[in-house]
N, C-alpha and C. Protein backbone atom coordinates (compact mmCIF):
# COMPACT_ATOMS: atom_id res chain seq x y z
N MET A 1 24.70 13.11 103.06
CA MET A 1 25.39 13.88 104.07
C MET A 1 24.50 15.05 104.48
N TYR A 2 24.38 15.23 105.78
CA TYR A 2 23.56 16.32 106.30
C TYR A 2 24.36 17.63 106.28
N PRO A 3 23.69 18.75 106.06
CA PRO A 3 24.40 20.04 106.12
C PRO A 3 24.98 20.24 107.53
N GLU A 4 26.21 20.68 107.58
CA GLU A 4 26.90 20.85 108.86
C GLU A 4 26.15 21.80 109.78
N GLU A 5 25.53 22.83 109.22
CA GLU A 5 24.80 23.78 110.08
C GLU A 5 23.59 23.13 110.74
N LEU A 6 23.06 22.08 110.12
CA LEU A 6 21.93 21.35 110.71
C LEU A 6 22.39 20.50 111.90
N ILE A 7 23.54 19.86 111.77
CA ILE A 7 23.96 18.94 112.82
C ILE A 7 24.88 19.56 113.87
N ALA A 8 25.33 20.78 113.63
CA ALA A 8 26.25 21.44 114.58
C ALA A 8 25.71 21.44 116.01
N PRO A 9 24.44 21.77 116.25
CA PRO A 9 23.95 21.74 117.63
C PRO A 9 23.94 20.32 118.22
N MET A 10 23.73 19.32 117.38
CA MET A 10 23.73 17.92 117.84
C MET A 10 25.15 17.48 118.19
N ARG A 11 26.11 17.92 117.40
CA ARG A 11 27.52 17.64 117.72
C ARG A 11 27.88 18.32 119.05
N ALA A 12 27.45 19.59 119.17
CA ALA A 12 27.81 20.39 120.34
C ALA A 12 27.28 19.81 121.65
N GLU A 13 26.13 19.15 121.59
CA GLU A 13 25.59 18.55 122.81
C GLU A 13 26.59 17.61 123.46
N LEU A 14 27.37 16.92 122.64
CA LEU A 14 28.37 15.99 123.18
C LEU A 14 29.74 16.65 123.31
N SER A 15 30.16 17.39 122.30
CA SER A 15 31.50 18.00 122.38
C SER A 15 31.60 19.01 123.52
N ASN A 16 30.50 19.67 123.85
CA ASN A 16 30.52 20.64 124.95
C ASN A 16 30.74 20.01 126.32
N VAL A 17 30.55 18.68 126.42
CA VAL A 17 30.79 18.01 127.71
C VAL A 17 32.02 17.12 127.62
N GLY A 18 32.88 17.36 126.62
CA GLY A 18 34.16 16.68 126.59
C GLY A 18 34.33 15.53 125.61
N PHE A 19 33.35 15.30 124.75
CA PHE A 19 33.50 14.25 123.75
C PHE A 19 34.44 14.70 122.65
N GLU A 20 35.37 13.83 122.31
CA GLU A 20 36.27 14.05 121.18
C GLU A 20 35.57 13.55 119.93
N GLU A 21 35.58 14.36 118.89
CA GLU A 21 34.92 13.97 117.65
C GLU A 21 35.91 13.25 116.75
N PHE A 22 35.62 11.99 116.45
CA PHE A 22 36.41 11.24 115.48
C PHE A 22 35.75 11.46 114.12
N ARG A 23 36.47 12.08 113.22
CA ARG A 23 35.90 12.38 111.90
C ARG A 23 36.55 11.57 110.79
N THR A 24 37.63 10.85 111.10
CA THR A 24 38.30 10.03 110.10
C THR A 24 38.49 8.61 110.61
N ALA A 25 38.63 7.70 109.67
CA ALA A 25 38.90 6.30 110.02
C ALA A 25 40.22 6.19 110.78
N LYS A 26 41.19 7.00 110.39
CA LYS A 26 42.50 6.96 111.04
C LYS A 26 42.38 7.31 112.53
N GLN A 27 41.59 8.33 112.86
CA GLN A 27 41.41 8.69 114.27
C GLN A 27 40.81 7.54 115.06
N VAL A 28 39.80 6.88 114.50
CA VAL A 28 39.16 5.75 115.17
C VAL A 28 40.16 4.62 115.36
N ALA A 29 40.85 4.25 114.30
CA ALA A 29 41.80 3.14 114.35
C ALA A 29 42.94 3.41 115.31
N GLU A 30 43.47 4.63 115.29
CA GLU A 30 44.58 4.96 116.18
C GLU A 30 44.14 4.91 117.64
N HIS A 31 42.96 5.40 117.93
CA HIS A 31 42.53 5.43 119.32
C HIS A 31 42.08 4.06 119.83
N LEU A 32 41.32 3.34 119.03
CA LEU A 32 40.72 2.08 119.50
C LEU A 32 41.50 0.84 119.09
N GLY A 33 42.69 1.03 118.54
CA GLY A 33 43.50 -0.11 118.09
C GLY A 33 43.96 -0.98 119.24
N ALA A 34 44.75 -1.99 118.90
CA ALA A 34 45.20 -3.01 119.85
C ALA A 34 45.98 -2.42 121.03
N SER A 35 46.62 -1.28 120.83
CA SER A 35 47.40 -0.69 121.92
C SER A 35 46.56 0.19 122.84
N HIS A 36 45.25 0.26 122.61
CA HIS A 36 44.35 1.08 123.42
C HIS A 36 44.41 0.65 124.88
N LYS A 37 44.56 1.60 125.75
CA LYS A 37 44.55 1.35 127.19
C LYS A 37 43.50 2.23 127.83
N GLY A 38 42.88 1.71 128.87
CA GLY A 38 41.85 2.47 129.56
C GLY A 38 40.48 2.21 128.96
N THR A 39 39.54 3.08 129.31
CA THR A 39 38.17 2.92 128.83
C THR A 39 37.82 4.07 127.90
N THR A 40 37.15 3.72 126.82
CA THR A 40 36.64 4.72 125.88
C THR A 40 35.18 4.42 125.62
N PHE A 41 34.36 5.43 125.80
CA PHE A 41 32.94 5.35 125.53
C PHE A 41 32.68 6.10 124.24
N VAL A 42 32.11 5.41 123.26
CA VAL A 42 31.85 6.02 121.95
C VAL A 42 30.35 6.10 121.70
N VAL A 43 29.90 7.26 121.28
CA VAL A 43 28.50 7.45 120.89
C VAL A 43 28.45 7.66 119.38
N VAL A 44 27.63 6.83 118.71
CA VAL A 44 27.33 7.09 117.31
C VAL A 44 26.16 8.07 117.32
N ASN A 45 26.47 9.31 117.05
CA ASN A 45 25.48 10.37 117.08
C ASN A 45 24.64 10.32 115.80
N SER A 46 23.46 10.88 115.87
CA SER A 46 22.53 10.76 114.76
C SER A 46 21.52 11.90 114.79
N VAL A 47 20.88 12.14 113.64
CA VAL A 47 19.83 13.16 113.58
C VAL A 47 18.47 12.59 113.95
N CYS A 48 18.37 11.29 114.12
CA CYS A 48 17.06 10.68 114.35
C CYS A 48 16.46 11.15 115.68
N GLY A 49 15.18 11.04 115.79
CA GLY A 49 14.46 11.51 116.97
C GLY A 49 14.87 10.82 118.26
N CYS A 50 15.21 9.53 118.19
CA CYS A 50 15.58 8.85 119.44
C CYS A 50 16.95 9.31 119.93
N ALA A 51 17.79 9.85 119.03
CA ALA A 51 19.07 10.40 119.47
C ALA A 51 18.83 11.67 120.28
N ALA A 52 17.95 12.51 119.79
CA ALA A 52 17.67 13.77 120.48
C ALA A 52 16.80 13.56 121.70
N GLY A 53 15.83 12.68 121.58
CA GLY A 53 14.87 12.49 122.65
C GLY A 53 15.37 11.69 123.83
N ALA A 54 16.28 10.75 123.59
CA ALA A 54 16.70 9.88 124.68
C ALA A 54 18.20 9.60 124.72
N ALA A 55 18.83 9.38 123.57
CA ALA A 55 20.23 8.95 123.58
C ALA A 55 21.16 10.02 124.13
N ARG A 56 21.21 11.18 123.48
CA ARG A 56 22.12 12.23 123.98
C ARG A 56 21.74 12.69 125.39
N PRO A 57 20.46 12.93 125.69
CA PRO A 57 20.12 13.30 127.07
C PRO A 57 20.47 12.19 128.07
N GLY A 58 20.33 10.95 127.68
CA GLY A 58 20.70 9.83 128.56
C GLY A 58 22.18 9.81 128.85
N VAL A 59 22.98 10.08 127.83
CA VAL A 59 24.44 10.15 128.02
C VAL A 59 24.79 11.28 128.98
N LEU A 60 24.17 12.44 128.80
CA LEU A 60 24.45 13.58 129.68
C LEU A 60 24.05 13.26 131.12
N TYR A 61 22.91 12.61 131.28
CA TYR A 61 22.45 12.20 132.62
C TYR A 61 23.48 11.27 133.26
N ALA A 62 23.96 10.28 132.50
CA ALA A 62 24.92 9.32 133.05
C ALA A 62 26.21 10.02 133.48
N LEU A 63 26.69 10.94 132.67
CA LEU A 63 27.94 11.63 133.01
C LEU A 63 27.78 12.49 134.26
N GLU A 64 26.58 13.00 134.48
CA GLU A 64 26.33 13.80 135.68
C GLU A 64 26.18 12.94 136.93
N ASN A 65 25.77 11.68 136.77
CA ASN A 65 25.40 10.86 137.92
C ASN A 65 26.32 9.68 138.22
N ALA A 66 27.25 9.37 137.36
CA ALA A 66 28.14 8.24 137.61
C ALA A 66 29.33 8.69 138.45
N SER A 67 29.72 7.85 139.40
CA SER A 67 30.90 8.18 140.19
C SER A 67 32.18 7.76 139.46
N LYS A 68 32.07 6.81 138.54
CA LYS A 68 33.20 6.40 137.70
C LYS A 68 32.84 6.75 136.26
N LYS A 69 33.84 7.24 135.54
CA LYS A 69 33.59 7.66 134.15
C LYS A 69 34.69 7.13 133.25
N PRO A 70 34.38 6.96 131.97
CA PRO A 70 35.40 6.51 131.02
C PRO A 70 36.56 7.49 130.95
N SER A 71 37.75 6.97 130.67
CA SER A 71 38.91 7.85 130.54
C SER A 71 38.82 8.70 129.28
N THR A 72 38.13 8.21 128.25
CA THR A 72 37.95 8.97 127.02
C THR A 72 36.50 8.89 126.59
N LEU A 73 35.97 10.02 126.17
CA LEU A 73 34.63 10.11 125.58
C LEU A 73 34.83 10.48 124.11
N ALA A 74 34.20 9.74 123.22
CA ALA A 74 34.37 9.99 121.79
C ALA A 74 33.05 9.84 121.06
N THR A 75 32.99 10.42 119.87
CA THR A 75 31.78 10.33 119.08
C THR A 75 32.11 10.32 117.60
N VAL A 76 31.27 9.64 116.84
CA VAL A 76 31.26 9.72 115.39
C VAL A 76 29.83 10.10 115.02
N PHE A 77 29.67 10.81 113.90
CA PHE A 77 28.33 11.23 113.51
C PHE A 77 27.91 10.47 112.26
N ALA A 78 26.94 9.56 112.43
CA ALA A 78 26.44 8.77 111.32
C ALA A 78 25.85 9.71 110.27
N GLY A 79 26.17 9.47 109.02
CA GLY A 79 25.65 10.29 107.93
C GLY A 79 26.57 11.45 107.57
N ASN A 80 27.53 11.78 108.43
CA ASN A 80 28.47 12.85 108.12
C ASN A 80 29.92 12.40 108.25
N ASP A 81 30.26 11.81 109.37
CA ASP A 81 31.63 11.32 109.56
C ASP A 81 31.67 9.89 109.00
N ARG A 82 31.48 9.78 107.70
CA ARG A 82 31.24 8.47 107.08
C ARG A 82 32.39 7.50 107.26
N GLU A 83 33.62 7.93 106.98
CA GLU A 83 34.72 6.98 107.10
C GLU A 83 34.99 6.63 108.56
N ALA A 84 34.82 7.58 109.46
CA ALA A 84 34.99 7.29 110.88
C ALA A 84 33.90 6.33 111.36
N THR A 85 32.67 6.57 110.94
CA THR A 85 31.56 5.70 111.33
C THR A 85 31.76 4.30 110.76
N ALA A 86 32.20 4.20 109.52
CA ALA A 86 32.44 2.87 108.92
C ALA A 86 33.53 2.12 109.67
N LYS A 87 34.60 2.80 110.05
CA LYS A 87 35.68 2.15 110.79
C LYS A 87 35.19 1.72 112.17
N PHE A 88 34.43 2.58 112.84
CA PHE A 88 33.86 2.22 114.13
C PHE A 88 32.99 0.98 113.99
N ARG A 89 32.12 0.96 112.99
CA ARG A 89 31.21 -0.18 112.79
C ARG A 89 31.98 -1.46 112.51
N GLU A 90 33.10 -1.34 111.83
CA GLU A 90 33.96 -2.50 111.59
C GLU A 90 34.51 -3.03 112.93
N MET A 91 34.80 -2.12 113.83
CA MET A 91 35.40 -2.50 115.12
C MET A 91 34.39 -3.08 116.11
N VAL A 92 33.09 -2.94 115.82
CA VAL A 92 32.08 -3.50 116.73
C VAL A 92 31.36 -4.70 116.13
N LEU A 93 31.88 -5.21 115.01
CA LEU A 93 31.29 -6.43 114.45
C LEU A 93 31.33 -7.53 115.49
N PRO A 94 30.32 -8.37 115.59
CA PRO A 94 29.28 -8.68 114.62
C PRO A 94 28.01 -7.85 114.76
N TYR A 95 28.03 -6.80 115.58
CA TYR A 95 26.83 -5.96 115.69
C TYR A 95 26.57 -5.27 114.36
N PRO A 96 25.31 -5.23 113.93
CA PRO A 96 24.99 -4.57 112.65
C PRO A 96 25.04 -3.05 112.82
N PRO A 97 25.14 -2.31 111.70
CA PRO A 97 25.12 -0.85 111.76
C PRO A 97 23.88 -0.36 112.51
N SER A 98 24.08 0.61 113.37
CA SER A 98 23.01 1.12 114.21
C SER A 98 23.33 2.56 114.56
N SER A 99 22.33 3.43 114.43
CA SER A 99 22.52 4.79 114.89
C SER A 99 21.18 5.33 115.37
N PRO A 100 21.19 5.89 116.55
CA PRO A 100 22.34 6.02 117.43
C PRO A 100 22.75 4.66 118.01
N ALA A 101 23.93 4.65 118.55
CA ALA A 101 24.46 3.47 119.23
C ALA A 101 25.52 3.95 120.21
N MET A 102 25.91 3.06 121.13
CA MET A 102 26.91 3.41 122.12
C MET A 102 27.76 2.19 122.39
N ALA A 103 29.05 2.42 122.62
CA ALA A 103 29.96 1.30 122.86
C ALA A 103 30.97 1.66 123.92
N MET A 104 31.30 0.66 124.74
CA MET A 104 32.36 0.82 125.73
C MET A 104 33.50 -0.12 125.35
N PHE A 105 34.68 0.47 125.24
CA PHE A 105 35.90 -0.30 124.98
C PHE A 105 36.77 -0.22 126.23
N LYS A 106 37.40 -1.34 126.54
CA LYS A 106 38.35 -1.36 127.66
C LYS A 106 39.60 -2.10 127.21
N ASP A 107 40.72 -1.42 127.30
CA ASP A 107 42.01 -1.99 126.90
C ASP A 107 41.94 -2.65 125.53
N GLY A 108 41.34 -1.95 124.57
CA GLY A 108 41.30 -2.41 123.20
C GLY A 108 40.22 -3.41 122.86
N GLU A 109 39.37 -3.73 123.82
CA GLU A 109 38.33 -4.74 123.59
C GLU A 109 36.95 -4.12 123.77
N LEU A 110 36.04 -4.44 122.85
CA LEU A 110 34.65 -4.03 123.00
C LEU A 110 34.04 -4.83 124.14
N VAL A 111 33.56 -4.14 125.18
CA VAL A 111 33.03 -4.85 126.35
C VAL A 111 31.53 -4.64 126.55
N HIS A 112 30.95 -3.62 125.86
CA HIS A 112 29.52 -3.38 126.00
C HIS A 112 29.05 -2.60 124.78
N PHE A 113 27.87 -2.98 124.25
CA PHE A 113 27.35 -2.30 123.07
C PHE A 113 25.85 -2.09 123.24
N ILE A 114 25.39 -0.91 122.91
CA ILE A 114 23.98 -0.56 122.98
C ILE A 114 23.52 -0.20 121.58
N GLU A 115 22.61 -1.00 121.04
CA GLU A 115 22.09 -0.77 119.70
C GLU A 115 20.88 0.16 119.76
N ARG A 116 20.50 0.66 118.60
CA ARG A 116 19.36 1.56 118.50
C ARG A 116 18.10 0.95 119.13
N HIS A 117 17.88 -0.34 118.92
CA HIS A 117 16.65 -0.93 119.46
C HIS A 117 16.66 -1.00 120.99
N HIS A 118 17.83 -0.79 121.62
CA HIS A 118 17.91 -0.69 123.08
C HIS A 118 17.63 0.74 123.54
N ILE A 119 17.63 1.67 122.58
CA ILE A 119 17.42 3.08 122.88
C ILE A 119 15.98 3.49 122.61
N GLU A 120 15.44 3.04 121.48
CA GLU A 120 14.08 3.40 121.07
C GLU A 120 13.07 3.00 122.15
N GLY A 121 12.17 3.90 122.45
CA GLY A 121 11.10 3.61 123.39
C GLY A 121 11.50 3.70 124.85
N ARG A 122 12.75 4.06 125.12
CA ARG A 122 13.20 4.21 126.49
C ARG A 122 13.43 5.69 126.78
N SER A 123 13.25 6.04 128.02
CA SER A 123 13.45 7.43 128.41
C SER A 123 14.94 7.72 128.57
N ALA A 124 15.28 8.99 128.56
CA ALA A 124 16.66 9.39 128.79
C ALA A 124 17.15 8.89 130.15
N LYS A 125 16.30 8.93 131.15
CA LYS A 125 16.69 8.46 132.48
C LYS A 125 16.96 6.96 132.47
N MET A 126 16.14 6.19 131.78
CA MET A 126 16.38 4.74 131.70
C MET A 126 17.72 4.45 131.03
N ILE A 127 18.00 5.15 129.94
CA ILE A 127 19.28 4.96 129.24
C ILE A 127 20.42 5.43 130.14
N GLY A 128 20.24 6.58 130.77
CA GLY A 128 21.26 7.11 131.67
C GLY A 128 21.54 6.19 132.84
N ASP A 129 20.50 5.64 133.45
CA ASP A 129 20.70 4.71 134.57
C ASP A 129 21.47 3.47 134.12
N HIS A 130 21.16 2.98 132.92
CA HIS A 130 21.89 1.83 132.38
C HIS A 130 23.36 2.19 132.17
N LEU A 131 23.62 3.37 131.61
CA LEU A 131 25.00 3.79 131.38
C LEU A 131 25.76 3.99 132.68
N VAL A 132 25.10 4.48 133.71
CA VAL A 132 25.75 4.60 135.01
C VAL A 132 26.24 3.23 135.46
N GLU A 133 25.42 2.20 135.32
CA GLU A 133 25.83 0.84 135.67
C GLU A 133 27.01 0.37 134.83
N VAL A 134 26.97 0.67 133.54
CA VAL A 134 28.07 0.29 132.64
C VAL A 134 29.36 0.98 133.07
N PHE A 135 29.29 2.28 133.33
CA PHE A 135 30.47 3.02 133.76
C PHE A 135 31.01 2.48 135.08
N GLU A 136 30.12 2.23 136.03
CA GLU A 136 30.54 1.72 137.32
C GLU A 136 31.23 0.36 137.20
N HIS A 137 30.75 -0.45 136.28
CA HIS A 137 31.30 -1.80 136.11
C HIS A 137 32.66 -1.79 135.39
N PHE A 138 32.81 -0.98 134.35
CA PHE A 138 33.98 -1.07 133.50
C PHE A 138 35.04 -0.01 133.74
N CYS A 139 34.69 1.11 134.36
CA CYS A 139 35.65 2.19 134.53
C CYS A 139 36.35 2.11 135.87
N ASP A 140 37.57 2.59 135.89
CA ASP A 140 38.36 2.57 137.13
C ASP A 140 38.15 3.83 137.93
């Protein structure tokens, strides 16, 4: 587990733009369960360099540039929100554990998933442009 003072700025990058932090398995299950309606975009936040260099900036770029946006923005922090992250990972099977990662749920169904290997080596703008397309396609 990372010291909270180390990851606080990384959490804030997303929470400051409206991301709800899921810190327990119960929060994840209640929100993304079978009765889920609308779109929820979840970011598995991380301390790794690709999270800071491209993933979080790409998400911010997409939110600034998409005309359609998810009804809910949420995040779990790998390495700290352990039970929330484990529950999230259970809900995106058969995808293997990945951090950072991003997922779009619509009406209780996983409809798009971005693994770490889709993030590594790409610029924030490339990730953001991809997310704009995802938001435009799945969000109302």
